[in-house]
């Protein structure tokens, strides 16, 4: 009687050979051996072991007589069955990690009122190579007396240990201050009311937008958008945790130069917008304004900028009640949040991107809501608005509500930017 071998049979022989050390009759070895050339002696497994090497190993250990009744004359074992039978052994060796390999680096986090200097030697006489601000995160390399050797961002050096938390305490603080962000990778991402592809669509988010992550569950990520908190498929976002890290001397100098340039560009934009406003007035008033602009001091320019910001806010308020349209830029027929902000500022000669994420980087930063002025851009997770003063914003909110006025603190702002 002839027997046909199944995957279970192949697996049994492979298990006997590789895991228990027991063998089989020599002609059973020939049966398995006969099928190996079909898989190709040049085939390489996951850890680099070739089928030829495995064949030699089988030849050396198959000696038992327990399955002598098997007739191998009609044996037909596929390439896949051979690989399937031996692959678990190969994979197991590959995926084992040592304790040293799996150990995470020690986290370190600054706890200071302002900043702490990073020096190139463990001494107050050492050269300052960078700064760490409060709640900035890095990794601990070593301890030298009362100094820590650390790496944070692009900076490596020494800091006074008294200003830092390490270990479990540092990780707990980092979890609280870290900003978990989901970057949209789909062309248009559907945000749903529940973690299911069958759930109702809450809103739509374009590629590249970054959203605050609130939770994760079963292949879905919970995010915050203008329409509320909803769920997106984890397949269409890249999730990362953003921490504040050290700033090198060179990075600080570049940042200060960029901020100075942004302020200068804002000053010029303010002058240009002022001139455009004056053009709409009587020719005599426009001429007078141009003469004043040429001679006004820096403080007068600041006052003009504040006036222009108020003009932006007043202009934007004209469109309250008009519809929200995803992807739209029309102040009358419909715009989305960034399209609304873009079109309002276009009226003042300023070109802004059609992206709530990119709006976080236009103009220059305002420190807090307490410092916000009318006309400032308020950026939220997946949303952007225009500040109108008295703690309020005007924005293209949702399809249901259209363009409306809301409290600026109805959600946590991620950035406040000033154009003028």
Protein backbone atom coordinates (compact mmCIF):
# COMPACT_ATOMS: atom_id res chain seq x y z
CA UNK A 1 0.00 0.00 0.00
CA UNK A 2 1.36 3.41 -0.95
CA UNK A 3 1.10 6.45 1.34
CA UNK A 4 0.89 10.13 0.33
CA UNK A 5 2.73 12.47 2.71
CA UNK A 6 0.99 15.64 3.88
CA UNK A 7 2.39 18.80 5.47
CA UNK A 8 1.81 17.18 8.85
CA UNK A 9 4.08 14.30 7.81
CA UNK A 10 6.82 16.66 6.64
CA UNK A 11 6.46 18.69 9.83
CA UNK A 12 6.70 15.52 11.96
CA UNK A 13 9.97 14.49 10.28
CA UNK A 14 11.35 18.03 10.53
CA UNK A 15 10.37 18.19 14.20
CA UNK A 16 11.97 14.81 14.90
CA UNK A 17 15.16 15.85 13.12
CA UNK A 18 15.58 19.37 14.43
CA UNK A 19 13.96 19.43 17.85
CA UNK A 20 13.97 15.94 19.47
CA UNK A 21 17.09 14.51 17.91
CA UNK A 22 15.31 11.24 16.96
CA UNK A 23 15.76 9.82 13.44
CA UNK A 24 13.98 7.82 10.75
CA UNK A 25 14.85 4.96 8.44
CA UNK A 26 17.47 5.77 5.79
CA UNK A 27 15.09 5.37 2.87
CA UNK A 28 12.75 7.85 4.55
CA UNK A 29 15.72 10.20 4.54
CA UNK A 30 16.07 9.56 0.84
CA UNK A 31 12.41 10.52 0.38
CA UNK A 32 12.89 13.89 2.09
CA UNK A 33 16.28 14.28 0.43
CA UNK A 34 14.78 13.61 -2.95
CA UNK A 35 12.44 16.51 -2.63
CA UNK A 36 15.11 19.03 -1.52
CA UNK A 37 16.65 19.53 -4.99
CA UNK A 38 13.18 20.54 -6.23
CA UNK A 39 13.29 23.40 -3.72
CA UNK A 40 16.68 24.36 -5.10
CA UNK A 41 19.96 23.73 -3.30
CA UNK A 42 20.78 27.41 -3.71
CA UNK A 43 17.71 28.49 -1.69
CA UNK A 44 18.65 30.52 1.39
CA UNK A 45 16.54 30.58 4.55
CA UNK A 46 15.86 33.53 6.88
CA UNK A 47 19.12 33.23 8.84
CA UNK A 48 21.26 32.57 5.76
CA UNK A 49 21.21 28.74 6.02
CA UNK A 50 20.96 27.08 2.59
CA UNK A 51 18.78 24.13 1.67
CA UNK A 52 21.99 22.28 0.74
CA UNK A 53 23.24 22.63 4.31
CA UNK A 54 19.92 21.47 5.71
CA UNK A 55 20.01 18.46 3.37
CA UNK A 56 23.44 17.48 4.68
CA UNK A 57 22.15 17.78 8.24
CA UNK A 58 19.18 15.52 7.46
CA UNK A 59 21.53 12.91 5.94
CA UNK A 60 23.59 12.86 9.12
CA UNK A 61 20.73 12.28 11.58
CA UNK A 62 18.04 10.14 9.86
CA UNK A 63 18.71 6.60 11.23
CA UNK A 64 15.62 5.31 13.04
CA UNK A 65 13.40 2.41 11.83
CA UNK A 66 10.11 3.63 13.26
CA UNK A 67 8.58 4.49 9.88
CA UNK A 68 10.13 1.67 7.81
CA UNK A 69 6.73 0.89 6.29
CA UNK A 70 6.70 4.16 4.29
CA UNK A 71 7.11 3.60 0.56
CA UNK A 72 8.92 6.56 -0.95
CA UNK A 73 8.56 5.51 -4.58
CA UNK A 74 5.58 7.80 -5.11
CA UNK A 75 6.60 10.66 -2.77
CA UNK A 76 5.86 14.17 -4.05
CA UNK A 77 6.69 17.00 -1.62
CA UNK A 78 6.42 20.58 -2.88
CA UNK A 79 9.05 23.28 -2.44
CA UNK A 80 6.74 25.16 -0.10
CA UNK A 81 6.26 22.14 2.18
CA UNK A 82 10.03 21.73 2.66
CA UNK A 83 10.49 25.43 3.46
CA UNK A 84 7.39 25.37 5.66
CA UNK A 85 8.71 22.39 7.61
CA UNK A 86 12.15 23.85 8.40
CA UNK A 87 11.36 27.59 8.52
CA UNK A 88 10.13 27.67 12.16
CA UNK A 89 13.56 26.47 13.29
CA UNK A 90 15.33 29.14 11.26
CA UNK A 91 13.01 31.97 12.32
CA UNK A 92 13.30 31.11 16.00
CA UNK A 93 17.06 31.60 15.92
CA UNK A 94 16.74 34.89 14.06
CA UNK A 95 14.24 36.64 16.34
CA UNK A 96 15.83 35.92 19.69
CA UNK A 97 17.14 39.15 21.27
CA UNK A 98 19.52 39.47 24.16
CA UNK A 99 18.56 41.46 27.22
CA UNK A 100 21.16 44.07 26.24
CA UNK A 101 19.60 44.46 22.77
CA UNK A 102 16.09 45.06 24.16
CA UNK A 103 17.14 47.45 26.92
CA UNK A 104 15.88 51.00 26.35
CA UNK A 105 18.20 53.98 26.86
CA UNK A 106 17.74 55.97 30.08
CA UNK A 107 15.47 58.95 29.62
CA UNK A 108 16.39 62.32 31.12
CA UNK A 109 14.14 65.38 31.37
CA UNK A 110 14.92 68.95 32.42
CA UNK A 111 12.98 70.52 35.28
CA UNK A 112 13.95 74.21 35.32
CA UNK A 113 12.29 77.63 35.34
CA UNK A 114 14.00 78.80 32.14
CA UNK A 115 16.85 76.73 30.73
CA UNK A 116 20.00 74.85 31.69
CA UNK A 117 23.29 75.09 29.79
CA UNK A 118 24.93 72.09 28.14
CA UNK A 119 28.74 72.24 28.37
CA UNK A 120 31.50 70.37 26.57
CA UNK A 121 33.11 69.28 29.87
CA UNK A 122 31.63 68.39 33.29
CA UNK A 123 32.48 71.78 34.75
CA UNK A 124 31.00 75.27 34.97
CA UNK A 125 34.16 76.36 33.17
CA UNK A 126 33.26 74.22 30.16
CA UNK A 127 32.18 75.85 26.91
CA UNK A 128 28.41 76.17 26.45
CA UNK A 129 27.41 74.09 23.43
CA UNK A 130 23.64 74.25 23.78
CA UNK A 131 20.59 74.76 25.99
CA UNK A 132 17.83 72.58 27.40
CA UNK A 133 14.53 74.26 28.28
CA UNK A 134 11.99 73.09 30.84
CA UNK A 135 10.57 69.62 30.06
CA UNK A 136 13.16 69.08 27.31
CA UNK A 137 14.01 65.41 26.81
CA UNK A 138 17.29 63.61 26.18
CA UNK A 139 19.09 60.33 26.88
CA UNK A 140 21.55 59.71 29.69
CA UNK A 141 24.96 58.45 28.57
CA UNK A 142 26.90 58.48 31.83
CA UNK A 143 27.26 60.21 35.21
CA UNK A 144 30.41 62.03 36.24
CA UNK A 145 30.14 63.08 39.89
CA UNK A 146 27.24 65.56 40.03
CA UNK A 147 27.12 65.96 36.23
CA UNK A 148 25.22 63.96 33.61
CA UNK A 149 26.63 63.27 30.17
CA UNK A 150 23.63 63.45 27.83
CA UNK A 151 22.51 63.56 24.22
CA UNK A 152 19.47 65.56 23.18
CA UNK A 153 18.58 66.53 19.64
CA UNK A 154 21.85 67.35 17.88
CA UNK A 155 23.66 68.25 21.09
CA UNK A 156 25.88 66.06 23.26
CA UNK A 157 27.56 67.31 26.44
CA UNK A 158 27.32 67.68 30.20
CA UNK A 159 24.64 69.17 32.47
CA UNK A 160 24.26 69.61 36.23
CA UNK A 161 22.40 66.58 37.57
CA UNK A 162 20.35 68.61 40.07
CA UNK A 163 18.20 70.07 37.27
CA UNK A 164 17.04 66.73 35.85
CA UNK A 165 14.79 63.76 36.50
CA UNK A 166 15.84 60.31 35.27
CA UNK A 167 14.50 56.78 35.08
CA UNK A 168 10.83 55.99 35.79
CA UNK A 169 10.12 59.50 37.08
CA UNK A 170 11.50 61.04 33.88
CA UNK A 171 9.45 58.65 31.73
CA UNK A 172 6.27 59.55 33.60
CA UNK A 173 6.86 63.28 33.07
CA UNK A 174 7.80 62.71 29.41
CA UNK A 175 4.55 60.78 28.85
CA UNK A 176 2.64 63.78 30.21
CA UNK A 177 4.45 66.49 28.21
CA UNK A 178 5.09 64.55 24.99
CA UNK A 179 2.89 65.55 22.08
CA UNK A 180 1.70 62.48 20.16
CA UNK A 181 1.02 63.48 16.54
CA UNK A 182 -0.59 61.57 13.64
CA UNK A 183 0.49 62.74 10.17
CA UNK A 184 -2.06 61.97 7.44
CA UNK A 185 -0.59 59.88 4.58
CA UNK A 186 -3.80 59.37 2.55
CA UNK A 187 -4.93 61.89 -0.05
CA UNK A 188 -8.13 62.50 1.94
CA UNK A 189 -8.59 60.78 5.28
CA UNK A 190 -12.04 59.98 6.68
CA UNK A 191 -12.44 60.59 10.41
CA UNK A 192 -15.18 58.37 11.86
CA UNK A 193 -17.30 58.50 15.00
CA UNK A 194 -16.21 55.00 16.12
CA UNK A 195 -13.13 52.78 15.54
CA UNK A 196 -14.74 50.99 12.61
CA UNK A 197 -14.74 51.40 8.82
CA UNK A 198 -18.53 51.11 8.98
CA UNK A 199 -18.95 54.03 11.40
CA UNK A 200 -20.37 57.40 10.36
CA UNK A 201 -17.90 59.85 8.82
CA UNK A 202 -17.27 62.78 11.17
CA UNK A 203 -14.98 64.82 8.94
CA UNK A 204 -12.32 64.79 6.18
CA UNK A 205 -8.64 65.66 6.58
CA UNK A 206 -6.17 66.26 3.69
CA UNK A 207 -2.77 64.62 3.21
CA UNK A 208 0.03 66.11 5.32
CA UNK A 209 -2.15 67.50 8.09
CA UNK A 210 -1.02 66.66 11.60
CA UNK A 211 -3.54 65.75 14.29
CA UNK A 212 -3.26 65.37 18.05
CA UNK A 213 -3.55 61.70 19.08
CA UNK A 214 -5.86 60.98 22.02
CA UNK A 215 -5.96 57.17 22.06
CA UNK A 216 -5.41 53.97 20.03
CA UNK A 217 -7.53 50.81 19.70
CA UNK A 218 -7.62 47.79 17.35
CA UNK A 219 -5.82 49.35 14.37
CA UNK A 220 -7.46 52.76 14.81
CA UNK A 221 -6.18 56.06 16.17
CA UNK A 222 -8.37 58.56 18.03
CA UNK A 223 -7.70 62.14 16.95
CA UNK A 224 -9.04 65.62 17.54
CA UNK A 225 -10.51 67.61 14.64
CA UNK A 226 -12.83 70.61 14.36
CA UNK A 227 -15.94 68.44 14.23
CA UNK A 228 -14.93 66.72 17.47
CA UNK A 229 -12.95 63.64 18.54
CA UNK A 230 -13.02 60.77 16.07
CA UNK A 231 -11.18 57.69 14.79
CA UNK A 232 -8.97 57.09 11.76
CA UNK A 233 -7.42 53.90 10.41
CA UNK A 234 -3.83 53.48 11.62
CA UNK A 235 -2.93 52.37 8.08
CA UNK A 236 -3.25 55.94 6.80
CA UNK A 237 -1.35 57.92 9.44
CA UNK A 238 2.20 58.01 10.73
CA UNK A 239 2.19 58.38 14.53
CA UNK A 240 5.13 59.88 16.38
CA UNK A 241 5.73 61.48 19.76
CA UNK A 242 7.20 64.97 19.68
CA UNK A 243 9.40 66.08 22.55
CA UNK A 244 11.22 69.35 23.08
CA UNK A 245 14.93 68.61 22.74
CA UNK A 246 18.12 70.61 23.21
CA UNK A 247 19.00 73.56 21.03
CA UNK A 248 22.63 73.93 19.98
CA UNK A 249 24.36 77.32 19.82
CA UNK A 250 24.18 77.20 16.03
CA UNK A 251 20.48 76.24 16.05
CA UNK A 252 19.70 79.05 18.50
CA UNK A 253 21.51 81.58 16.32
CA UNK A 254 19.66 80.33 13.22
CA UNK A 255 16.31 80.49 15.03
CA UNK A 256 16.89 84.04 16.26
CA UNK A 257 17.96 85.11 12.77
CA UNK A 258 14.86 83.46 11.25
CA UNK A 259 12.60 85.19 13.79
CA UNK A 260 14.24 88.53 13.06
CA UNK A 261 13.74 87.96 9.34
CA UNK A 262 10.11 86.99 9.90
CA UNK A 263 9.52 90.17 11.88
CA UNK A 264 11.13 92.24 9.13
CA UNK A 265 8.99 90.54 6.50
CA UNK A 266 5.93 91.11 8.68
CA UNK A 267 6.85 94.77 9.00
CA UNK A 268 7.10 95.07 5.24
CA UNK A 269 3.84 93.18 4.79
CA UNK A 270 2.20 95.52 7.28
CA UNK A 271 3.43 98.53 5.36
CA UNK A 272 2.21 97.03 2.07
CA UNK A 273 -1.19 96.17 3.53
CA UNK A 274 -1.47 99.62 5.05
CA UNK A 275 -0.74 101.16 1.70
CA UNK A 276 -3.37 98.98 0.06
CA UNK A 277 -5.97 100.04 2.59
CA UNK A 278 -5.09 103.66 2.04
CA UNK A 279 -5.49 103.22 -1.72
CA UNK A 280 -9.17 102.53 -1.13
CA UNK A 281 -9.56 105.88 0.56
CA UNK A 282 -9.44 109.28 -0.98
CA UNK A 283 -6.27 110.10 -2.90
CA UNK A 284 -5.36 112.80 -0.43
CA UNK A 285 -5.64 110.42 2.57
CA UNK A 286 -3.59 107.77 0.74
CA UNK A 287 -0.83 110.28 -0.01
CA UNK A 288 -0.77 111.39 3.62
CA UNK A 289 -0.57 107.78 4.84
CA UNK A 290 2.36 107.08 2.48
CA UNK A 291 4.23 110.10 3.85
CA UNK A 292 3.58 108.96 7.42
CA UNK A 293 4.71 105.40 6.64
CA UNK A 294 8.06 106.68 5.37
CA UNK A 295 8.80 108.53 8.61
CA UNK A 296 7.08 106.54 11.34
CA UNK A 297 9.15 104.93 14.10
CA UNK A 298 9.23 101.26 15.07
CA UNK A 299 6.61 101.86 17.74
CA UNK A 300 4.36 103.53 15.20
CA UNK A 301 4.79 100.53 12.89
CA UNK A 302 3.73 98.26 15.74
CA UNK A 303 0.65 100.38 16.25
CA UNK A 304 -0.07 100.21 12.51
CA UNK A 305 0.33 96.44 12.62
CA UNK A 306 -2.19 96.23 15.45
CA UNK A 307 -4.56 98.40 13.43
CA UNK A 308 -4.12 96.16 10.40
CA UNK A 309 -4.81 93.08 12.52
CA UNK A 310 -8.06 94.66 13.62
CA UNK A 311 -8.86 95.41 9.99
CA UNK A 312 -8.28 91.71 9.16
CA UNK A 313 -10.59 90.64 11.98
CA UNK A 314 -13.31 93.11 10.95
CA UNK A 315 -13.09 92.00 7.32
CA UNK A 316 -13.34 88.32 8.29
CA UNK A 317 -16.43 88.93 10.43
CA UNK A 318 -18.38 90.06 7.34
CA UNK A 319 -18.62 86.43 6.21
CA UNK A 320 -20.12 84.89 9.36
CA UNK A 321 -23.05 82.69 8.37
CA UNK A 322 -21.61 81.72 4.98
CA UNK A 323 -21.18 77.99 4.24
CA UNK A 324 -18.32 75.63 5.02
CA UNK A 325 -17.13 73.67 1.96
CA UNK A 326 -14.31 71.13 2.23
CA UNK A 327 -11.46 72.27 -0.04
CA UNK A 328 -13.24 75.56 -0.77
CA UNK A 329 -11.69 79.05 -0.79
CA UNK A 330 -14.69 81.28 -1.52
CA UNK A 331 -15.65 83.66 1.28
CA UNK A 332 -19.19 83.86 -0.08
CA UNK A 333 -19.89 80.47 -1.65
CA UNK A 334 -17.98 78.33 0.83
CA UNK A 335 -14.50 77.68 2.26
CA UNK A 336 -12.87 75.27 4.64
CA UNK A 337 -10.91 76.50 7.66
CA UNK A 338 -7.56 77.15 5.96
CA UNK A 339 -9.26 78.32 2.75
CA UNK A 340 -11.14 80.92 4.81
CA UNK A 341 -7.96 82.21 6.50
CA UNK A 342 -6.09 82.20 3.18
CA UNK A 343 -8.80 84.16 1.37
CA UNK A 344 -9.20 86.73 4.16
CA UNK A 345 -5.49 87.51 4.15
CA UNK A 346 -5.37 87.52 0.35
CA UNK A 347 -7.56 90.64 0.52
CA UNK A 348 -4.66 92.33 2.36
CA UNK A 349 -2.02 91.26 -0.15
CA UNK A 350 -0.69 88.35 1.93
CA UNK A 351 -0.31 84.87 0.42
CA UNK A 352 -0.89 82.02 2.89
CA UNK A 353 -0.95 78.23 2.29
CA UNK A 354 -4.19 76.27 1.97
CA UNK A 355 -3.23 74.01 4.88
CA UNK A 356 -4.03 74.25 8.59
CA UNK A 357 -0.76 72.43 9.34
CA UNK A 358 1.39 74.80 7.24
CA UNK A 359 -0.30 77.80 8.85
CA UNK A 360 1.50 76.88 12.07
CA UNK A 361 4.72 78.18 10.52
CA UNK A 362 3.70 81.42 8.77
CA UNK A 363 4.61 84.83 10.21
CA UNK A 364 6.16 84.62 13.65
CA UNK A 365 5.22 83.05 16.97
CA UNK A 366 3.10 84.64 19.69
CA UNK A 367 3.87 83.29 23.17
CA UNK A 368 0.38 82.79 24.58
CA UNK A 369 -3.31 83.58 24.21
CA UNK A 370 -2.81 86.42 26.69
CA UNK A 371 -0.53 88.10 24.12
CA UNK A 372 -2.79 87.44 21.10
CA UNK A 373 -4.01 90.40 19.05
CA UNK A 374 -6.86 90.68 16.53
CA UNK A 375 -5.75 89.26 13.19
CA UNK A 376 -3.47 86.61 14.70
CA UNK A 377 -3.84 83.07 13.35
CA UNK A 378 -4.84 80.47 15.96
CA UNK A 379 -3.88 76.89 15.01
CA UNK A 380 -5.52 73.80 16.48
CA UNK A 381 -5.28 70.08 15.73
CA UNK A 382 -6.57 69.83 12.14
CA UNK A 383 -8.02 73.36 12.25
CA UNK A 384 -7.13 77.07 11.98
CA UNK A 385 -8.96 80.32 12.82
CA UNK A 386 -8.52 84.11 13.03
CA UNK A 387 -8.44 85.80 16.42
CA UNK A 388 -10.83 88.78 16.69
CA UNK A 389 -10.09 89.88 20.27
CA UNK A 390 -11.82 89.46 23.63
CA UNK A 391 -10.97 85.74 23.69
CA UNK A 392 -12.88 84.96 20.47
CA UNK A 393 -12.13 83.63 16.99
CA UNK A 394 -13.89 83.63 13.63
CA UNK A 395 -13.52 80.46 11.58
CA UNK A 396 -15.00 78.19 8.95
CA UNK A 397 -16.07 75.56 11.46
CA UNK A 398 -18.07 72.63 10.05
CA UNK A 399 -20.49 71.84 7.25
CA UNK A 400 -23.30 72.06 9.80
CA UNK A 401 -22.41 75.46 11.29
CA UNK A 402 -20.49 77.22 8.47
CA UNK A 403 -18.42 80.33 9.25
CA UNK A 404 -19.01 81.38 12.84
CA UNK A 405 -17.60 83.03 15.96
CA UNK A 406 -16.38 80.85 18.87
CA UNK A 407 -14.40 81.13 22.08
CA UNK A 408 -10.69 80.81 21.28
CA UNK A 409 -10.24 78.40 24.20
CA UNK A 410 -12.92 75.94 23.03
CA UNK A 411 -9.99 73.68 22.10
CA UNK A 412 -6.31 73.71 23.00
CA UNK A 413 -4.31 75.91 20.57
CA UNK A 414 -1.14 74.33 19.15
CA UNK A 415 0.30 77.57 17.80
CA UNK A 416 -0.43 81.30 17.57
CA UNK A 417 1.11 83.15 14.59
CA UNK A 418 1.23 86.86 13.81
CA UNK A 419 1.35 88.10 10.22
CA UNK A 420 1.48 91.88 10.74
